[in-house]
PDB file of all heavy atoms in Angstrom:
ATOM      1  N   THR A   1     -35.031 -16.312   1.368  1.00  0.00           N
ATOM      2  CA  THR A   1     -35.371 -14.891   1.321  1.00  0.00           C
ATOM      3  C   THR A   1     -34.094 -14.068   1.226  1.00  0.00           C
ATOM      4  O   THR A   1     -33.248 -14.129   2.107  1.00  0.00           O
ATOM      5  CB  THR A   1     -36.161 -14.487   2.581  1.00  0.00           C
ATOM      6  OG1 THR A   1     -37.351 -15.260   2.637  1.00  0.00           O
ATOM      7  CG2 THR A   1     -36.514 -13.015   2.565  1.00  0.00           C
ATOM      8  N   THR A   2     -33.983 -13.280   0.157  1.00  0.00           N
ATOM      9  CA  THR A   2     -32.857 -12.364  -0.020  1.00  0.00           C
ATOM     10  C   THR A   2     -33.266 -10.962   0.405  1.00  0.00           C
ATOM     11  O   THR A   2     -32.491 -10.243   1.002  1.00  0.00           O
ATOM     12  CB  THR A   2     -32.388 -12.372  -1.484  1.00  0.00           C
ATOM     13  OG1 THR A   2     -32.015 -13.705  -1.830  1.00  0.00           O
ATOM     14  CG2 THR A   2     -31.205 -11.460  -1.697  1.00  0.00           C
ATOM     15  N   VAL A   3     -34.480 -10.564   0.092  1.00  0.00           N
ATOM     16  CA  VAL A   3     -35.089  -9.334   0.606  1.00  0.00           C
ATOM     17  C   VAL A   3     -36.476  -9.722   1.080  1.00  0.00           C
ATOM     18  O   VAL A   3     -37.247 -10.338   0.345  1.00  0.00           O
ATOM     19  CB  VAL A   3     -35.186  -8.219  -0.464  1.00  0.00           C
ATOM     20  CG1 VAL A   3     -35.907  -6.997   0.094  1.00  0.00           C
ATOM     21  CG2 VAL A   3     -33.819  -7.830  -0.983  1.00  0.00           C
ATOM     22  N   GLY A   4     -36.785  -9.369   2.318  1.00  0.00           N
ATOM     23  CA  GLY A   4     -38.076  -9.728   2.883  1.00  0.00           C
ATOM     24  C   GLY A   4     -38.564  -8.687   3.868  1.00  0.00           C
ATOM     25  O   GLY A   4     -37.809  -7.831   4.318  1.00  0.00           O
ATOM     26  N   ILE A   5     -39.834  -8.781   4.175  1.00  0.00           N
ATOM     27  CA  ILE A   5     -40.465  -7.881   5.139  1.00  0.00           C
ATOM     28  C   ILE A   5     -41.085  -8.744   6.228  1.00  0.00           C
ATOM     29  O   ILE A   5     -41.855  -9.669   5.949  1.00  0.00           O
ATOM     30  CB  ILE A   5     -41.546  -7.016   4.478  1.00  0.00           C
ATOM     31  CG1 ILE A   5     -40.924  -6.212   3.333  1.00  0.00           C
ATOM     32  CG2 ILE A   5     -42.215  -6.104   5.500  1.00  0.00           C
ATOM     33  CD1 ILE A   5     -41.935  -5.548   2.430  1.00  0.00           C
ATOM     34  N   ILE A   6     -40.710  -8.440   7.472  1.00  0.00           N
ATOM     35  CA  ILE A   6     -41.199  -9.204   8.616  1.00  0.00           C
ATOM     36  C   ILE A   6     -42.079  -8.299   9.471  1.00  0.00           C
ATOM     37  O   ILE A   6     -41.640  -7.214   9.873  1.00  0.00           O
ATOM     38  CB  ILE A   6     -40.021  -9.712   9.472  1.00  0.00           C
ATOM     39  CG1 ILE A   6     -39.103 -10.591   8.635  1.00  0.00           C
ATOM     40  CG2 ILE A   6     -40.524 -10.452  10.697  1.00  0.00           C
ATOM     41  CD1 ILE A   6     -37.825 -10.966   9.345  1.00  0.00           C
ATOM     42  N   PRO A   7     -43.319  -8.705   9.750  1.00  0.00           N
ATOM     43  CA  PRO A   7     -44.146  -7.911  10.661  1.00  0.00           C
ATOM     44  C   PRO A   7     -43.569  -7.952  12.073  1.00  0.00           C
ATOM     45  O   PRO A   7     -43.106  -8.992  12.527  1.00  0.00           O
ATOM     46  CB  PRO A   7     -45.522  -8.584  10.598  1.00  0.00           C
ATOM     47  CG  PRO A   7     -45.328  -9.887   9.934  1.00  0.00           C
ATOM     48  CD  PRO A   7     -43.993  -9.888   9.264  1.00  0.00           C
ATOM     49  N   CYS A   8     -43.575  -6.805  12.739  1.00  0.00           N
ATOM     50  CA  CYS A   8     -43.032  -6.716  14.095  1.00  0.00           C
ATOM     51  C   CYS A   8     -43.863  -5.701  14.873  1.00  0.00           C
ATOM     52  O   CYS A   8     -43.753  -4.493  14.638  1.00  0.00           O
ATOM     53  CB  CYS A   8     -41.566  -6.309  14.050  1.00  0.00           C
ATOM     54  SG  CYS A   8     -40.797  -6.236  15.670  1.00  0.00           S
ATOM     55  N   GLY A   9     -44.712  -6.174  15.772  1.00  0.00           N
ATOM     56  CA  GLY A   9     -45.600  -5.274  16.495  1.00  0.00           C
ATOM     57  C   GLY A   9     -46.493  -4.536  15.524  1.00  0.00           C
ATOM     58  O   GLY A   9     -47.145  -5.134  14.688  1.00  0.00           O
ATOM     59  N   LYS A  10     -46.492  -3.205  15.574  1.00  0.00           N
ATOM     60  CA  LYS A  10     -47.278  -2.401  14.637  1.00  0.00           C
ATOM     61  C   LYS A  10     -46.467  -2.000  13.413  1.00  0.00           C
ATOM     62  O   LYS A  10     -46.962  -1.317  12.532  1.00  0.00           O
ATOM     63  CB  LYS A  10     -47.774  -1.135  15.340  1.00  0.00           C
ATOM     64  CG  LYS A  10     -48.765  -1.422  16.442  1.00  0.00           C
ATOM     65  CD  LYS A  10     -49.243  -0.145  17.072  1.00  0.00           C
ATOM     66  CE  LYS A  10     -50.221  -0.447  18.200  1.00  0.00           C
ATOM     67  NZ  LYS A  10     -50.688   0.779  18.849  1.00  0.00           N
ATOM     68  N   GLY A  11     -45.213  -2.426  13.350  1.00  0.00           N
ATOM     69  CA  GLY A  11     -44.343  -2.041  12.246  1.00  0.00           C
ATOM     70  C   GLY A  11     -43.877  -3.223  11.435  1.00  0.00           C
ATOM     71  O   GLY A  11     -44.429  -4.317  11.519  1.00  0.00           O
ATOM     72  N   ARG A  12     -42.851  -2.970  10.637  1.00  0.00           N
ATOM     73  CA  ARG A  12     -42.266  -3.999   9.777  1.00  0.00           C
ATOM     74  C   ARG A  12     -40.751  -3.831   9.768  1.00  0.00           C
ATOM     75  O   ARG A  12     -40.238  -2.721   9.886  1.00  0.00           O
ATOM     76  CB  ARG A  12     -42.783  -3.851   8.350  1.00  0.00           C
ATOM     77  CG  ARG A  12     -44.275  -4.030   8.234  1.00  0.00           C
ATOM     78  CD  ARG A  12     -44.712  -3.667   6.867  1.00  0.00           C
ATOM     79  NE  ARG A  12     -44.490  -2.222   6.690  1.00  0.00           N
ATOM     80  CZ  ARG A  12     -45.260  -1.429   5.992  1.00  0.00           C
ATOM     81  NH1 ARG A  12     -46.287  -1.911   5.374  1.00  0.00           N
ATOM     82  NH2 ARG A  12     -44.992  -0.153   5.878  1.00  0.00           N
ATOM     83  N   ILE A  13     -40.068  -4.931   9.609  1.00  0.00           N
ATOM     84  CA  ILE A  13     -38.619  -4.935   9.479  1.00  0.00           C
ATOM     85  C   ILE A  13     -38.286  -5.367   8.053  1.00  0.00           C
ATOM     86  O   ILE A  13     -38.785  -6.389   7.587  1.00  0.00           O
ATOM     87  CB  ILE A  13     -37.965  -5.908  10.475  1.00  0.00           C
ATOM     88  CG1 ILE A  13     -38.272  -5.484  11.903  1.00  0.00           C
ATOM     89  CG2 ILE A  13     -36.461  -6.006  10.235  1.00  0.00           C
ATOM     90  CD1 ILE A  13     -37.879  -6.511  12.943  1.00  0.00           C
ATOM     91  N   ILE A  14     -37.467  -4.561   7.374  1.00  0.00           N
ATOM     92  CA  ILE A  14     -36.997  -4.929   6.046  1.00  0.00           C
ATOM     93  C   ILE A  14     -35.633  -5.573   6.223  1.00  0.00           C
ATOM     94  O   ILE A  14     -34.749  -5.002   6.854  1.00  0.00           O
ATOM     95  CB  ILE A  14     -36.865  -3.699   5.132  1.00  0.00           C
ATOM     96  CG1 ILE A  14     -38.204  -2.986   4.996  1.00  0.00           C
ATOM     97  CG2 ILE A  14     -36.322  -4.107   3.760  1.00  0.00           C
ATOM     98  CD1 ILE A  14     -38.100  -1.635   4.320  1.00  0.00           C
ATOM     99  N   LEU A  15     -35.466  -6.778   5.680  1.00  0.00           N
ATOM    100  CA  LEU A  15     -34.178  -7.443   5.784  1.00  0.00           C
ATOM    101  C   LEU A  15     -33.652  -7.727   4.389  1.00  0.00           C
ATOM    102  O   LEU A  15     -34.416  -7.888   3.447  1.00  0.00           O
ATOM    103  CB  LEU A  15     -34.269  -8.720   6.607  1.00  0.00           C
ATOM    104  CG  LEU A  15     -35.188  -9.816   6.082  1.00  0.00           C
ATOM    105  CD1 LEU A  15     -34.410 -10.780   5.213  1.00  0.00           C
ATOM    106  CD2 LEU A  15     -35.809 -10.534   7.237  1.00  0.00           C
ATOM    107  N   SER A  16     -32.338  -7.736   4.273  1.00  0.00           N
ATOM    108  CA  SER A  16     -31.716  -7.990   2.986  1.00  0.00           C
ATOM    109  C   SER A  16     -30.361  -8.651   3.190  1.00  0.00           C
ATOM    110  O   SER A  16     -29.607  -8.265   4.081  1.00  0.00           O
ATOM    111  CB  SER A  16     -31.534  -6.676   2.225  1.00  0.00           C
ATOM    112  OG  SER A  16     -30.770  -6.886   1.056  1.00  0.00           O
ATOM    113  N   THR A  17     -30.070  -9.645   2.358  1.00  0.00           N
ATOM    114  CA  THR A  17     -28.738 -10.246   2.360  1.00  0.00           C
ATOM    115  C   THR A  17     -27.938  -9.772   1.151  1.00  0.00           C
ATOM    116  O   THR A  17     -26.853 -10.284   0.892  1.00  0.00           O
ATOM    117  CB  THR A  17     -28.825 -11.791   2.357  1.00  0.00           C
ATOM    118  OG1 THR A  17     -29.472 -12.214   1.155  1.00  0.00           O
ATOM    119  CG2 THR A  17     -29.559 -12.305   3.578  1.00  0.00           C
ATOM    120  N   LEU A  18     -28.470  -8.797   0.414  1.00  0.00           N
ATOM    121  CA  LEU A  18     -27.749  -8.244  -0.735  1.00  0.00           C
ATOM    122  C   LEU A  18     -26.561  -7.416  -0.259  1.00  0.00           C
ATOM    123  O   LEU A  18     -26.563  -6.873   0.843  1.00  0.00           O
ATOM    124  CB  LEU A  18     -28.677  -7.367  -1.579  1.00  0.00           C
ATOM    125  CG  LEU A  18     -29.851  -8.075  -2.248  1.00  0.00           C
ATOM    126  CD1 LEU A  18     -30.772  -7.070  -2.916  1.00  0.00           C
ATOM    127  CD2 LEU A  18     -29.366  -9.107  -3.251  1.00  0.00           C
ATOM    128  N   SER A  19     -25.573  -7.278  -1.090  1.00  0.00           N
ATOM    129  CA  SER A  19     -24.363  -6.528  -0.752  1.00  0.00           C
ATOM    130  C   SER A  19     -24.574  -5.047  -1.075  1.00  0.00           C
ATOM    131  O   SER A  19     -23.998  -4.508  -2.013  1.00  0.00           O
ATOM    132  CB  SER A  19     -23.182  -7.097  -1.538  1.00  0.00           C
ATOM    133  OG  SER A  19     -22.005  -6.426  -1.198  1.00  0.00           O
ATOM    134  N   ILE A  20     -25.386  -4.372  -0.269  1.00  0.00           N
ATOM    135  CA  ILE A  20     -25.729  -2.973  -0.529  1.00  0.00           C
ATOM    136  C   ILE A  20     -24.701  -2.036   0.106  1.00  0.00           C
ATOM    137  O   ILE A  20     -24.163  -1.149  -0.564  1.00  0.00           O
ATOM    138  CB  ILE A  20     -27.147  -2.668  -0.024  1.00  0.00           C
ATOM    139  CG1 ILE A  20     -28.150  -3.454  -0.859  1.00  0.00           C
ATOM    140  CG2 ILE A  20     -27.437  -1.177  -0.088  1.00  0.00           C
ATOM    141  CD1 ILE A  20     -29.564  -3.363  -0.391  1.00  0.00           C
ATOM    142  N   ARG A  21     -24.435  -2.182   1.388  1.00  0.00           N
ATOM    143  CA  ARG A  21     -23.561  -1.248   2.099  1.00  0.00           C
ATOM    144  C   ARG A  21     -22.198  -1.073   1.447  1.00  0.00           C
ATOM    145  O   ARG A  21     -21.754   0.054   1.246  1.00  0.00           O
ATOM    146  CB  ARG A  21     -23.407  -1.657   3.562  1.00  0.00           C
ATOM    147  CG  ARG A  21     -22.661  -0.620   4.396  1.00  0.00           C
ATOM    148  CD  ARG A  21     -22.236  -1.151   5.750  1.00  0.00           C
ATOM    149  NE  ARG A  21     -21.545  -2.431   5.710  1.00  0.00           N
ATOM    150  CZ  ARG A  21     -20.264  -2.590   5.365  1.00  0.00           C
ATOM    151  NH1 ARG A  21     -19.537  -1.565   5.036  1.00  0.00           N
ATOM    152  NH2 ARG A  21     -19.722  -3.788   5.359  1.00  0.00           N
ATOM    153  N   PRO A  22     -21.488  -2.141   1.056  1.00  0.00           N
ATOM    154  CA  PRO A  22     -20.158  -1.951   0.467  1.00  0.00           C
ATOM    155  C   PRO A  22     -20.188  -1.203  -0.871  1.00  0.00           C
ATOM    156  O   PRO A  22     -19.175  -0.688  -1.317  1.00  0.00           O
ATOM    157  CB  PRO A  22     -19.632  -3.375   0.256  1.00  0.00           C
ATOM    158  CG  PRO A  22     -20.474  -4.242   1.097  1.00  0.00           C
ATOM    159  CD  PRO A  22     -21.789  -3.554   1.246  1.00  0.00           C
ATOM    160  N   ASN A  23     -21.333  -1.148  -1.519  1.00  0.00           N
ATOM    161  CA  ASN A  23     -21.429  -0.526  -2.834  1.00  0.00           C
ATOM    162  C   ASN A  23     -21.934   0.912  -2.800  1.00  0.00           C
ATOM    163  O   ASN A  23     -21.962   1.568  -3.838  1.00  0.00           O
ATOM    164  CB  ASN A  23     -22.358  -1.352  -3.726  1.00  0.00           C
ATOM    165  CG  ASN A  23     -21.699  -2.630  -4.163  1.00  0.00           C
ATOM    166  OD1 ASN A  23     -20.775  -2.613  -4.953  1.00  0.00           O
ATOM    167  ND2 ASN A  23     -22.150  -3.747  -3.618  1.00  0.00           N
ATOM    168  N   LEU A  24     -22.328   1.420  -1.661  1.00  0.00           N
ATOM    169  CA  LEU A  24     -22.936   2.750  -1.613  1.00  0.00           C
ATOM    170  C   LEU A  24     -21.985   3.871  -2.025  1.00  0.00           C
ATOM    171  O   LEU A  24     -22.410   4.832  -2.660  1.00  0.00           O
ATOM    172  CB  LEU A  24     -23.501   3.026  -0.222  1.00  0.00           C
ATOM    173  CG  LEU A  24     -24.714   2.192   0.162  1.00  0.00           C
ATOM    174  CD1 LEU A  24     -25.120   2.495   1.601  1.00  0.00           C
ATOM    175  CD2 LEU A  24     -25.874   2.419  -0.786  1.00  0.00           C
ATOM    176  N   ASN A  25     -20.717   3.798  -1.682  1.00  0.00           N
ATOM    177  CA  ASN A  25     -19.774   4.877  -1.979  1.00  0.00           C
ATOM    178  C   ASN A  25     -18.964   4.665  -3.243  1.00  0.00           C
ATOM    179  O   ASN A  25     -18.112   5.485  -3.562  1.00  0.00           O
ATOM    180  CB  ASN A  25     -18.817   5.098  -0.801  1.00  0.00           C
ATOM    181  CG  ASN A  25     -19.519   5.762   0.356  1.00  0.00           C
ATOM    182  OD1 ASN A  25     -20.424   6.552   0.168  1.00  0.00           O
ATOM    183  ND2 ASN A  25     -19.107   5.422   1.554  1.00  0.00           N
ATOM    184  N   ARG A  26     -19.197   3.608  -3.956  1.00  0.00           N
ATOM    185  CA  ARG A  26     -18.465   3.371  -5.205  1.00  0.00           C
ATOM    186  C   ARG A  26     -19.050   4.253  -6.301  1.00  0.00           C
ATOM    187  O   ARG A  26     -20.192   4.689  -6.227  1.00  0.00           O
ATOM    188  CB  ARG A  26     -18.548   1.900  -5.581  1.00  0.00           C
ATOM    189  CG  ARG A  26     -17.787   1.043  -4.573  1.00  0.00           C
ATOM    190  CD  ARG A  26     -17.852  -0.413  -4.858  1.00  0.00           C
ATOM    191  NE  ARG A  26     -17.483  -0.686  -6.248  1.00  0.00           N
ATOM    192  CZ  ARG A  26     -17.701  -1.834  -6.845  1.00  0.00           C
ATOM    193  NH1 ARG A  26     -18.275  -2.820  -6.191  1.00  0.00           N
ATOM    194  NH2 ARG A  26     -17.343  -2.041  -8.091  1.00  0.00           N
ATOM    195  N   ASN A  27     -18.273   4.506  -7.340  1.00  0.00           N
ATOM    196  CA  ASN A  27     -18.712   5.400  -8.407  1.00  0.00           C
ATOM    197  C   ASN A  27     -19.025   4.697  -9.719  1.00  0.00           C
ATOM    198  O   ASN A  27     -19.323   5.362 -10.700  1.00  0.00           O
ATOM    199  CB  ASN A  27     -17.650   6.480  -8.656  1.00  0.00           C
ATOM    200  CG  ASN A  27     -17.557   7.444  -7.499  1.00  0.00           C
ATOM    201  OD1 ASN A  27     -18.563   7.782  -6.891  1.00  0.00           O
ATOM    202  ND2 ASN A  27     -16.352   7.870  -7.175  1.00  0.00           N
ATOM    203  N   ASP A  28     -18.951   3.380  -9.752  1.00  0.00           N
ATOM    204  CA  ASP A  28     -19.253   2.698 -11.009  1.00  0.00           C
ATOM    205  C   ASP A  28     -20.755   2.594 -11.221  1.00  0.00           C
ATOM    206  O   ASP A  28     -21.556   2.763 -10.302  1.00  0.00           O
ATOM    207  CB  ASP A  28     -18.579   1.324 -11.063  1.00  0.00           C
ATOM    208  CG  ASP A  28     -19.009   0.405  -9.933  1.00  0.00           C
ATOM    209  OD1 ASP A  28     -19.686   0.861  -9.009  1.00  0.00           O
ATOM    210  OD2 ASP A  28     -18.646  -0.779  -9.981  1.00  0.00           O
ATOM    211  N   GLY A  29     -21.154   2.355 -12.447  1.00  0.00           N
ATOM    212  CA  GLY A  29     -22.568   2.301 -12.815  1.00  0.00           C
ATOM    213  C   GLY A  29     -23.383   1.288 -12.029  1.00  0.00           C
ATOM    214  O   GLY A  29     -24.468   1.604 -11.542  1.00  0.00           O
ATOM    215  N   PRO A  30     -22.897   0.048 -11.887  1.00  0.00           N
ATOM    216  CA  PRO A  30     -23.677  -0.931 -11.150  1.00  0.00           C
ATOM    217  C   PRO A  30     -23.949  -0.550  -9.694  1.00  0.00           C
ATOM    218  O   PRO A  30     -24.934  -0.976  -9.117  1.00  0.00           O
ATOM    219  CB  PRO A  30     -22.827  -2.200 -11.232  1.00  0.00           C
ATOM    220  CG  PRO A  30     -22.071  -2.046 -12.492  1.00  0.00           C
ATOM    221  CD  PRO A  30     -21.765  -0.566 -12.578  1.00  0.00           C
ATOM    222  N   SER A  31     -23.105   0.280  -9.115  1.00  0.00           N
ATOM    223  CA  SER A  31     -23.327   0.686  -7.728  1.00  0.00           C
ATOM    224  C   SER A  31     -24.541   1.600  -7.581  1.00  0.00           C
ATOM    225  O   SER A  31     -25.054   1.782  -6.485  1.00  0.00           O
ATOM    226  CB  SER A  31     -22.080   1.360  -7.164  1.00  0.00           C
ATOM    227  OG  SER A  31     -21.072   0.390  -7.002  1.00  0.00           O
ATOM    228  N   GLN A  32     -24.990   2.164  -8.679  1.00  0.00           N
ATOM    229  CA  GLN A  32     -26.216   2.961  -8.639  1.00  0.00           C
ATOM    230  C   GLN A  32     -27.404   2.098  -8.220  1.00  0.00           C
ATOM    231  O   GLN A  32     -28.344   2.579  -7.606  1.00  0.00           O
ATOM    232  CB  GLN A  32     -26.473   3.608  -9.988  1.00  0.00           C
ATOM    233  CG  GLN A  32     -25.455   4.664 -10.337  1.00  0.00           C
ATOM    234  CD  GLN A  32     -25.678   5.235 -11.719  1.00  0.00           C
ATOM    235  OE1 GLN A  32     -26.732   5.056 -12.325  1.00  0.00           O
ATOM    236  NE2 GLN A  32     -24.689   5.927 -12.230  1.00  0.00           N
ATOM    237  N   VAL A  33     -27.340   0.817  -8.533  1.00  0.00           N
ATOM    238  CA  VAL A  33     -28.383  -0.121  -8.120  1.00  0.00           C
ATOM    239  C   VAL A  33     -28.443  -0.195  -6.601  1.00  0.00           C
ATOM    240  O   VAL A  33     -29.518  -0.151  -6.008  1.00  0.00           O
ATOM    241  CB  VAL A  33     -28.139  -1.519  -8.734  1.00  0.00           C
ATOM    242  CG1 VAL A  33     -29.085  -2.556  -8.136  1.00  0.00           C
ATOM    243  CG2 VAL A  33     -28.276  -1.463 -10.241  1.00  0.00           C
ATOM    244  N   ALA A  34     -27.281  -0.281  -5.952  1.00  0.00           N
ATOM    245  CA  ALA A  34     -27.239  -0.345  -4.488  1.00  0.00           C
ATOM    246  C   ALA A  34     -27.832   0.918  -3.884  1.00  0.00           C
ATOM    247  O   ALA A  34     -28.606   0.850  -2.925  1.00  0.00           O
ATOM    248  CB  ALA A  34     -25.805  -0.548  -4.006  1.00  0.00           C
ATOM    249  N   ARG A  35     -27.486   2.072  -4.429  1.00  0.00           N
ATOM    250  CA  ARG A  35     -28.019   3.333  -3.902  1.00  0.00           C
ATOM    251  C   ARG A  35     -29.531   3.420  -4.106  1.00  0.00           C
ATOM    252  O   ARG A  35     -30.265   3.857  -3.225  1.00  0.00           O
ATOM    253  CB  ARG A  35     -27.304   4.518  -4.554  1.00  0.00           C
ATOM    254  CG  ARG A  35     -25.871   4.671  -4.046  1.00  0.00           C
ATOM    255  CD  ARG A  35     -25.232   5.962  -4.510  1.00  0.00           C
ATOM    256  NE  ARG A  35     -24.887   5.949  -5.920  1.00  0.00           N
ATOM    257  CZ  ARG A  35     -23.790   5.412  -6.433  1.00  0.00           C
ATOM    258  NH1 ARG A  35     -22.909   4.833  -5.630  1.00  0.00           N
ATOM    259  NH2 ARG A  35     -23.545   5.459  -7.719  1.00  0.00           N
ATOM    260  N   LYS A  36     -30.014   2.985  -5.253  1.00  0.00           N
ATOM    261  CA  LYS A  36     -31.457   3.022  -5.517  1.00  0.00           C
ATOM    262  C   LYS A  36     -32.206   2.069  -4.591  1.00  0.00           C
ATOM    263  O   LYS A  36     -33.262   2.411  -4.059  1.00  0.00           O
ATOM    264  CB  LYS A  36     -31.735   2.682  -6.984  1.00  0.00           C
ATOM    265  CG  LYS A  36     -33.191   2.717  -7.346  1.00  0.00           C
ATOM    266  CD  LYS A  36     -33.795   4.092  -7.148  1.00  0.00           C
ATOM    267  CE  LYS A  36     -35.248   4.111  -7.586  1.00  0.00           C
ATOM    268  NZ  LYS A  36     -35.949   5.292  -7.140  1.00  0.00           N
ATOM    269  N   LEU A  37     -31.660   0.874  -4.377  1.00  0.00           N
ATOM    270  CA  LEU A  37     -32.293  -0.070  -3.451  1.00  0.00           C
ATOM    271  C   LEU A  37     -32.355   0.505  -2.047  1.00  0.00           C
ATOM    272  O   LEU A  37     -33.388   0.411  -1.375  1.00  0.00           O
ATOM    273  CB  LEU A  37     -31.540  -1.404  -3.434  1.00  0.00           C
ATOM    274  CG  LEU A  37     -31.765  -2.317  -4.627  1.00  0.00           C
ATOM    275  CD1 LEU A  37     -30.772  -3.464  -4.599  1.00  0.00           C
ATOM    276  CD2 LEU A  37     -33.186  -2.832  -4.659  1.00  0.00           C
ATOM    277  N   MET A  38     -31.264   1.121  -1.590  1.00  0.00           N
ATOM    278  CA  MET A  38     -31.239   1.712  -0.247  1.00  0.00           C
ATOM    279  C   MET A  38     -32.286   2.817  -0.142  1.00  0.00           C
ATOM    280  O   MET A  38     -33.016   2.891   0.855  1.00  0.00           O
ATOM    281  CB  MET A  38     -29.846   2.253   0.058  1.00  0.00           C
ATOM    282  CG  MET A  38     -29.702   2.735   1.462  1.00  0.00           C
ATOM    283  SD  MET A  38     -29.863   1.345   2.601  1.00  0.00           S
ATOM    284  CE  MET A  38     -29.557   2.153   4.132  1.00  0.00           C
ATOM    285  N   CYS A  39     -32.372   3.667  -1.157  1.00  0.00           N
ATOM    286  CA  CYS A  39     -33.394   4.728  -1.156  1.00  0.00           C
ATOM    287  C   CYS A  39     -34.797   4.134  -1.142  1.00  0.00           C
ATOM    288  O   CYS A  39     -35.677   4.627  -0.428  1.00  0.00           O
ATOM    289  CB  CYS A  39     -33.215   5.638  -2.365  1.00  0.00           C
ATOM    290  SG  CYS A  39     -31.771   6.706  -2.261  1.00  0.00           S
ATOM    291  N   ASN A  40     -35.012   3.083  -1.913  1.00  0.00           N
ATOM    292  CA  ASN A  40     -36.327   2.424  -1.929  1.00  0.00           C
ATOM    293  C   ASN A  40     -36.667   1.841  -0.560  1.00  0.00           C
ATOM    294  O   ASN A  40     -37.803   1.944  -0.100  1.00  0.00           O
ATOM    295  CB  ASN A  40     -36.370   1.325  -2.979  1.00  0.00           C
ATOM    296  CG  ASN A  40     -36.414   1.866  -4.384  1.00  0.00           C
ATOM    297  OD1 ASN A  40     -36.635   3.054  -4.613  1.00  0.00           O
ATOM    298  ND2 ASN A  40     -36.188   1.003  -5.356  1.00  0.00           N
ATOM    299  N   PHE A  41     -35.682   1.208   0.096  1.00  0.00           N
ATOM    300  CA  PHE A  41     -35.909   0.651   1.432  1.00  0.00           C
ATOM    301  C   PHE A  41     -36.300   1.756   2.411  1.00  0.00           C
ATOM    302  O   PHE A  41     -37.244   1.612   3.191  1.00  0.00           O
ATOM    303  CB  PHE A  41     -34.677  -0.069   1.960  1.00  0.00           C
ATOM    304  CG  PHE A  41     -34.320  -1.353   1.255  1.00  0.00           C
ATOM    305  CD1 PHE A  41     -33.073  -1.918   1.430  1.00  0.00           C
ATOM    306  CD2 PHE A  41     -35.215  -2.005   0.422  1.00  0.00           C
ATOM    307  CE1 PHE A  41     -32.723  -3.100   0.806  1.00  0.00           C
ATOM    308  CE2 PHE A  41     -34.885  -3.181  -0.217  1.00  0.00           C
ATOM    309  CZ  PHE A  41     -33.635  -3.732  -0.023  1.00  0.00           C
ATOM    310  N   LEU A  42     -35.565   2.866   2.374  1.00  0.00           N
ATOM    311  CA  LEU A  42     -35.838   3.980   3.295  1.00  0.00           C
ATOM    312  C   LEU A  42     -37.196   4.618   3.009  1.00  0.00           C
ATOM    313  O   LEU A  42     -37.937   4.952   3.933  1.00  0.00           O
ATOM    314  CB  LEU A  42     -34.730   5.029   3.212  1.00  0.00           C
ATOM    315  CG  LEU A  42     -33.370   4.574   3.738  1.00  0.00           C
ATOM    316  CD1 LEU A  42     -32.302   5.602   3.412  1.00  0.00           C
ATOM    317  CD2 LEU A  42     -33.432   4.296   5.225  1.00  0.00           C
ATOM    318  N   GLU A  43     -37.514   4.775   1.740  1.00  0.00           N
ATOM    319  CA  GLU A  43     -38.812   5.351   1.372  1.00  0.00           C
ATOM    320  C   GLU A  43     -39.951   4.454   1.846  1.00  0.00           C
ATOM    321  O   GLU A  43     -40.929   4.922   2.409  1.00  0.00           O
ATOM    322  CB  GLU A  43     -38.877   5.540  -0.137  1.00  0.00           C
ATOM    323  CG  GLU A  43     -40.154   6.217  -0.611  1.00  0.00           C
ATOM    324  CD  GLU A  43     -40.130   6.456  -2.102  1.00  0.00           C
ATOM    325  OE1 GLU A  43     -39.372   7.325  -2.553  1.00  0.00           O
ATOM    326  OE2 GLU A  43     -40.877   5.738  -2.812  1.00  0.00           O
TER     327      GLU A  43
END
């Protein structure tokens, strides 16, 4: 599992082993993927 959802009580935990955090503040095009994934996780 690289991205998964685990049930926890009445909620869920989203887990990811992708390298999202280090790419959030970069300005290159591929880093837009990291920002979009983070927004999708939060949404």
